Amino acid sequence: MDYSGPDRREFPRLKGSFIVSYKILDEINNADLSQTKNISEGGMMFTTDKAFPEGTLLTLYVRLPFVEEKIELTGRVLQSKEVVKDIIYETRICFLETPADVLNRVRDVVNRFLDQHK
């Protein structure tokens, strides 16, 4: 059953599939590619092929519409929920110490899409 109560999120989120490359922070040669399920100024959810323990730090590179270059973010895993047994996980992260200019770009894209669908 879907939740039908009020949205308690701090930031509006945009549901959408955007390309995201991710890797465990400070590890080399372990990058993987996926798609977002949603994104906001505070974090995002994307699919992964493995579960990440809560608290895992990830480096993320996201391609957003209307933004020429990839956006680099650092996030902490809040949850990795198995969707398809041993194959697909929905991983939720919150962004950490994100520079203001990067947050502004994410906010602008989210707001631009949300404004178009009002």
N, C-alpha and C. Protein backbone atom coordinates (compact mmCIF):
# COMPACT_ATOMS: atom_id res chain seq x y z
N MET A 1 0.84 -1.18 0.00
CA MET A 1 0.00 0.00 0.00
C MET A 1 0.88 1.25 0.00
N ASP A 2 0.58 2.20 -0.87
CA ASP A 2 1.32 3.45 -0.95
C ASP A 2 0.93 4.38 0.18
N TYR A 3 1.89 5.14 0.64
CA TYR A 3 1.66 6.15 1.68
C TYR A 3 0.85 7.29 1.07
N SER A 4 -0.22 7.72 1.74
CA SER A 4 -1.06 8.78 1.18
C SER A 4 -1.12 10.01 2.09
N GLY A 5 -0.28 10.05 3.12
CA GLY A 5 -0.27 11.19 4.04
C GLY A 5 0.53 12.35 3.49
N PRO A 6 0.73 13.37 4.31
CA PRO A 6 1.48 14.54 3.86
C PRO A 6 2.95 14.22 3.62
N ASP A 7 3.56 14.93 2.68
CA ASP A 7 4.99 14.75 2.39
C ASP A 7 5.79 15.43 3.50
N ARG A 8 6.62 14.66 4.18
CA ARG A 8 7.40 15.19 5.29
C ARG A 8 8.84 15.51 4.90
N ARG A 9 9.15 15.44 3.63
CA ARG A 9 10.52 15.70 3.20
C ARG A 9 10.87 17.17 3.31
N GLU A 10 12.13 17.42 3.60
CA GLU A 10 12.59 18.80 3.73
C GLU A 10 12.66 19.49 2.37
N PHE A 11 13.02 18.73 1.32
CA PHE A 11 13.18 19.30 -0.02
C PHE A 11 12.27 18.57 -1.00
N PRO A 12 11.72 19.29 -1.99
CA PRO A 12 10.92 18.61 -3.00
C PRO A 12 11.79 17.65 -3.81
N ARG A 13 11.22 16.54 -4.22
CA ARG A 13 11.99 15.58 -5.00
C ARG A 13 11.42 15.45 -6.39
N LEU A 14 12.29 15.09 -7.30
CA LEU A 14 11.93 14.89 -8.69
C LEU A 14 12.08 13.42 -9.01
N LYS A 15 10.98 12.79 -9.40
CA LYS A 15 11.07 11.39 -9.84
C LYS A 15 11.58 11.41 -11.27
N GLY A 16 12.61 10.63 -11.53
CA GLY A 16 13.16 10.59 -12.88
C GLY A 16 14.39 9.74 -12.96
N SER A 17 14.66 9.28 -14.17
CA SER A 17 15.82 8.44 -14.43
C SER A 17 16.94 9.26 -15.05
N PHE A 18 17.95 9.54 -14.24
CA PHE A 18 19.12 10.25 -14.71
C PHE A 18 20.33 9.36 -14.47
N ILE A 19 21.30 9.44 -15.34
CA ILE A 19 22.49 8.60 -15.25
C ILE A 19 23.30 8.99 -14.02
N VAL A 20 23.69 7.97 -13.25
CA VAL A 20 24.53 8.21 -12.08
C VAL A 20 25.64 7.15 -12.05
N SER A 21 26.87 7.62 -11.87
CA SER A 21 28.01 6.74 -11.65
C SER A 21 28.35 6.85 -10.18
N TYR A 22 28.65 5.74 -9.55
CA TYR A 22 28.91 5.78 -8.11
C TYR A 22 30.03 4.83 -7.74
N LYS A 23 30.71 5.15 -6.65
CA LYS A 23 31.75 4.28 -6.11
C LYS A 23 31.89 4.57 -4.63
N ILE A 24 32.41 3.60 -3.91
CA ILE A 24 32.67 3.80 -2.49
C ILE A 24 33.77 4.84 -2.37
N LEU A 25 33.56 5.82 -1.52
CA LEU A 25 34.51 6.91 -1.32
C LEU A 25 35.89 6.35 -0.99
N ASP A 26 36.91 6.92 -1.57
CA ASP A 26 38.31 6.56 -1.32
C ASP A 26 38.71 5.18 -1.82
N GLU A 27 37.86 4.52 -2.59
CA GLU A 27 38.28 3.26 -3.22
C GLU A 27 38.54 3.54 -4.69
N ILE A 28 39.45 2.78 -5.26
CA ILE A 28 39.82 2.97 -6.65
C ILE A 28 39.28 1.80 -7.47
N ASN A 29 38.86 2.09 -8.70
CA ASN A 29 38.42 1.07 -9.64
C ASN A 29 37.23 0.24 -9.17
N ASN A 30 36.28 0.86 -8.51
CA ASN A 30 35.09 0.09 -8.14
C ASN A 30 33.82 0.81 -8.59
N ALA A 31 33.93 1.68 -9.59
CA ALA A 31 32.78 2.46 -10.05
C ALA A 31 31.77 1.59 -10.77
N ASP A 32 30.52 1.99 -10.65
CA ASP A 32 29.43 1.31 -11.34
C ASP A 32 28.49 2.38 -11.89
N LEU A 33 27.63 2.00 -12.81
CA LEU A 33 26.73 2.91 -13.48
C LEU A 33 25.30 2.49 -13.21
N SER A 34 24.42 3.47 -13.01
CA SER A 34 23.02 3.16 -12.74
C SER A 34 22.15 4.34 -13.15
N GLN A 35 20.90 4.34 -12.63
CA GLN A 35 19.96 5.43 -12.88
C GLN A 35 19.29 5.83 -11.57
N THR A 36 19.00 7.12 -11.48
CA THR A 36 18.26 7.59 -10.31
C THR A 36 16.81 7.15 -10.42
N LYS A 37 16.16 7.05 -9.29
CA LYS A 37 14.70 6.89 -9.24
C LYS A 37 14.08 8.21 -8.83
N ASN A 38 14.78 8.96 -7.98
CA ASN A 38 14.37 10.32 -7.64
C ASN A 38 15.59 11.07 -7.09
N ILE A 39 15.47 12.39 -7.11
CA ILE A 39 16.55 13.23 -6.62
C ILE A 39 15.96 14.50 -6.03
N SER A 40 16.63 15.02 -5.01
CA SER A 40 16.24 16.29 -4.40
C SER A 40 17.52 17.00 -3.99
N GLU A 41 17.35 18.17 -3.45
CA GLU A 41 18.48 18.95 -2.97
C GLU A 41 19.19 18.25 -1.81
N GLY A 42 18.48 17.37 -1.11
CA GLY A 42 19.05 16.72 0.07
C GLY A 42 19.58 15.32 -0.16
N GLY A 43 19.21 14.68 -1.27
CA GLY A 43 19.66 13.31 -1.50
C GLY A 43 18.99 12.71 -2.72
N MET A 44 19.13 11.39 -2.85
CA MET A 44 18.51 10.71 -3.98
C MET A 44 18.37 9.24 -3.70
N MET A 45 17.57 8.59 -4.55
CA MET A 45 17.46 7.13 -4.52
C MET A 45 17.82 6.65 -5.92
N PHE A 46 18.61 5.60 -5.97
CA PHE A 46 18.99 5.02 -7.25
C PHE A 46 19.10 3.51 -7.09
N THR A 47 19.12 2.81 -8.22
CA THR A 47 19.22 1.36 -8.17
C THR A 47 20.69 0.94 -8.19
N THR A 48 20.98 -0.12 -7.45
CA THR A 48 22.33 -0.68 -7.42
C THR A 48 22.22 -2.20 -7.57
N ASP A 49 23.34 -2.84 -7.88
CA ASP A 49 23.31 -4.29 -8.04
C ASP A 49 23.80 -5.01 -6.79
N LYS A 50 24.02 -4.24 -5.71
CA LYS A 50 24.38 -4.83 -4.43
C LYS A 50 23.88 -3.93 -3.32
N ALA A 51 23.74 -4.51 -2.15
CA ALA A 51 23.31 -3.75 -0.99
C ALA A 51 24.53 -3.06 -0.37
N PHE A 52 24.34 -1.84 0.08
CA PHE A 52 25.38 -1.11 0.78
C PHE A 52 24.96 -0.98 2.24
N PRO A 53 25.88 -1.24 3.16
CA PRO A 53 25.55 -1.06 4.58
C PRO A 53 25.21 0.41 4.88
N GLU A 54 24.30 0.62 5.79
CA GLU A 54 23.95 1.96 6.22
C GLU A 54 25.21 2.68 6.68
N GLY A 55 25.35 3.93 6.26
CA GLY A 55 26.52 4.73 6.64
C GLY A 55 27.65 4.70 5.63
N THR A 56 27.60 3.81 4.63
CA THR A 56 28.64 3.76 3.60
C THR A 56 28.71 5.10 2.88
N LEU A 57 29.91 5.61 2.67
CA LEU A 57 30.10 6.87 1.96
C LEU A 57 30.38 6.60 0.49
N LEU A 58 29.65 7.29 -0.37
CA LEU A 58 29.79 7.09 -1.81
C LEU A 58 30.13 8.41 -2.49
N THR A 59 30.92 8.31 -3.55
CA THR A 59 31.13 9.43 -4.46
C THR A 59 30.19 9.17 -5.63
N LEU A 60 29.45 10.20 -6.03
CA LEU A 60 28.45 10.07 -7.09
C LEU A 60 28.69 11.12 -8.16
N TYR A 61 28.51 10.73 -9.40
CA TYR A 61 28.58 11.65 -10.53
C TYR A 61 27.26 11.53 -11.27
N VAL A 62 26.50 12.62 -11.30
CA VAL A 62 25.14 12.60 -11.85
C VAL A 62 25.07 13.48 -13.08
N ARG A 63 24.40 12.98 -14.11
CA ARG A 63 24.13 13.78 -15.31
C ARG A 63 22.69 14.26 -15.22
N LEU A 64 22.52 15.58 -15.18
CA LEU A 64 21.19 16.17 -15.10
C LEU A 64 20.91 16.98 -16.36
N PRO A 65 19.64 17.03 -16.76
CA PRO A 65 19.30 17.86 -17.92
C PRO A 65 19.58 19.34 -17.62
N PHE A 66 19.89 20.09 -18.63
CA PHE A 66 20.16 21.52 -18.55
C PHE A 66 21.48 21.84 -17.85
N VAL A 67 22.28 20.82 -17.52
CA VAL A 67 23.58 21.02 -16.88
C VAL A 67 24.61 20.31 -17.77
N GLU A 68 25.57 21.06 -18.28
CA GLU A 68 26.53 20.49 -19.24
C GLU A 68 27.42 19.41 -18.64
N GLU A 69 28.02 19.68 -17.50
CA GLU A 69 28.99 18.75 -16.92
C GLU A 69 28.32 17.84 -15.88
N LYS A 70 29.00 16.74 -15.60
CA LYS A 70 28.53 15.85 -14.53
C LYS A 70 28.64 16.59 -13.20
N ILE A 71 27.69 16.34 -12.33
CA ILE A 71 27.71 16.92 -10.99
C ILE A 71 28.31 15.90 -10.05
N GLU A 72 29.33 16.30 -9.30
CA GLU A 72 29.97 15.40 -8.33
C GLU A 72 29.39 15.67 -6.94
N LEU A 73 28.97 14.59 -6.29
CA LEU A 73 28.38 14.67 -4.96
C LEU A 73 28.98 13.60 -4.07
N THR A 74 28.92 13.81 -2.78
CA THR A 74 29.26 12.78 -1.81
C THR A 74 28.02 12.49 -1.01
N GLY A 75 27.74 11.22 -0.77
CA GLY A 75 26.55 10.87 -0.03
C GLY A 75 26.79 9.74 0.96
N ARG A 76 25.91 9.68 1.96
CA ARG A 76 25.94 8.61 2.96
C ARG A 76 24.71 7.75 2.75
N VAL A 77 24.91 6.43 2.69
CA VAL A 77 23.81 5.50 2.49
C VAL A 77 22.91 5.50 3.73
N LEU A 78 21.62 5.71 3.47
CA LEU A 78 20.62 5.63 4.53
C LEU A 78 20.00 4.24 4.57
N GLN A 79 19.83 3.66 3.36
CA GLN A 79 19.19 2.33 3.28
C GLN A 79 19.46 1.74 1.90
N SER A 80 19.64 0.43 1.84
CA SER A 80 19.67 -0.32 0.60
C SER A 80 18.63 -1.42 0.74
N LYS A 81 17.56 -1.30 -0.02
CA LYS A 81 16.43 -2.22 0.10
C LYS A 81 16.38 -3.15 -1.11
N GLU A 82 16.35 -4.44 -0.85
CA GLU A 82 16.31 -5.42 -1.93
C GLU A 82 14.96 -5.35 -2.64
N VAL A 83 15.00 -5.22 -3.97
CA VAL A 83 13.79 -5.16 -4.77
C VAL A 83 13.61 -6.46 -5.55
N VAL A 84 14.70 -6.95 -6.15
CA VAL A 84 14.73 -8.24 -6.83
C VAL A 84 15.85 -9.03 -6.18
N LYS A 85 15.52 -10.19 -5.66
CA LYS A 85 16.45 -10.97 -4.84
C LYS A 85 17.83 -11.10 -5.48
N ASP A 86 18.84 -10.63 -4.76
CA ASP A 86 20.25 -10.72 -5.14
C ASP A 86 20.60 -10.01 -6.45
N ILE A 87 19.69 -9.16 -6.96
CA ILE A 87 19.97 -8.52 -8.26
C ILE A 87 19.82 -7.00 -8.20
N ILE A 88 18.71 -6.50 -7.66
CA ILE A 88 18.43 -5.07 -7.69
C ILE A 88 18.09 -4.57 -6.30
N TYR A 89 18.73 -3.45 -5.94
CA TYR A 89 18.50 -2.80 -4.65
C TYR A 89 18.18 -1.33 -4.90
N GLU A 90 17.24 -0.79 -4.14
CA GLU A 90 16.99 0.64 -4.15
C GLU A 90 17.82 1.22 -3.01
N THR A 91 18.76 2.07 -3.37
CA THR A 91 19.68 2.63 -2.38
C THR A 91 19.37 4.11 -2.20
N ARG A 92 19.08 4.48 -0.96
CA ARG A 92 18.78 5.87 -0.61
C ARG A 92 20.00 6.49 0.05
N ILE A 93 20.34 7.69 -0.39
CA ILE A 93 21.48 8.39 0.19
C ILE A 93 21.10 9.84 0.51
N CYS A 94 21.80 10.41 1.48
CA CYS A 94 21.69 11.85 1.73
C CYS A 94 23.02 12.47 1.34
N PHE A 95 22.95 13.66 0.76
CA PHE A 95 24.17 14.34 0.33
C PHE A 95 24.89 14.93 1.53
N LEU A 96 26.22 14.92 1.46
CA LEU A 96 27.06 15.46 2.53
C LEU A 96 27.93 16.58 2.00
N GLU A 97 28.09 17.63 2.78
CA GLU A 97 29.03 18.71 2.49
C GLU A 97 29.08 19.08 1.01
N THR A 98 27.91 19.34 0.46
CA THR A 98 27.81 19.67 -0.96
C THR A 98 28.01 21.17 -1.16
N PRO A 99 28.91 21.57 -2.05
CA PRO A 99 29.12 22.99 -2.32
C PRO A 99 27.82 23.66 -2.76
N ALA A 100 27.66 24.93 -2.40
CA ALA A 100 26.43 25.67 -2.69
C ALA A 100 26.12 25.70 -4.18
N ASP A 101 27.14 25.86 -5.03
CA ASP A 101 26.87 25.93 -6.47
C ASP A 101 26.31 24.61 -7.01
N VAL A 102 26.75 23.49 -6.46
CA VAL A 102 26.23 22.19 -6.88
C VAL A 102 24.79 22.03 -6.41
N LEU A 103 24.52 22.37 -5.16
CA LEU A 103 23.15 22.31 -4.65
C LEU A 103 22.22 23.21 -5.45
N ASN A 104 22.71 24.37 -5.85
CA ASN A 104 21.89 25.28 -6.65
C ASN A 104 21.54 24.66 -7.99
N ARG A 105 22.48 23.95 -8.61
CA ARG A 105 22.19 23.30 -9.90
C ARG A 105 21.15 22.19 -9.73
N VAL A 106 21.29 21.39 -8.66
CA VAL A 106 20.31 20.34 -8.41
C VAL A 106 18.94 20.98 -8.15
N ARG A 107 18.89 21.98 -7.30
CA ARG A 107 17.64 22.66 -6.97
C ARG A 107 16.99 23.23 -8.23
N ASP A 108 17.79 23.87 -9.08
CA ASP A 108 17.26 24.48 -10.31
C ASP A 108 16.62 23.43 -11.22
N VAL A 109 17.28 22.29 -11.40
CA VAL A 109 16.73 21.23 -12.24
C VAL A 109 15.44 20.68 -11.64
N VAL A 110 15.45 20.39 -10.35
CA VAL A 110 14.25 19.86 -9.69
C VAL A 110 13.10 20.86 -9.84
N ASN A 111 13.34 22.11 -9.51
CA ASN A 111 12.29 23.12 -9.59
C ASN A 111 11.79 23.33 -11.01
N ARG A 112 12.70 23.30 -11.95
CA ARG A 112 12.31 23.48 -13.36
C ARG A 112 11.34 22.39 -13.80
N PHE A 113 11.62 21.14 -13.48
CA PHE A 113 10.74 20.04 -13.84
C PHE A 113 9.43 20.09 -13.07
N LEU A 114 9.51 20.38 -11.77
CA LEU A 114 8.29 20.44 -10.96
C LEU A 114 7.38 21.58 -11.41
N ASP A 115 7.96 22.72 -11.78
CA ASP A 115 7.16 23.84 -12.26
C ASP A 115 6.44 23.51 -13.57
N GLN A 116 7.07 22.69 -14.41
CA GLN A 116 6.46 22.32 -15.69
C GLN A 116 5.26 21.39 -15.49
N HIS A 117 5.20 20.71 -14.37
CA HIS A 117 4.14 19.72 -14.14
C HIS A 117 3.11 20.16 -13.10
N LYS A 118 3.00 21.46 -12.90
CA LYS A 118 1.99 21.99 -11.97
C LYS A 118 0.68 22.17 -12.66
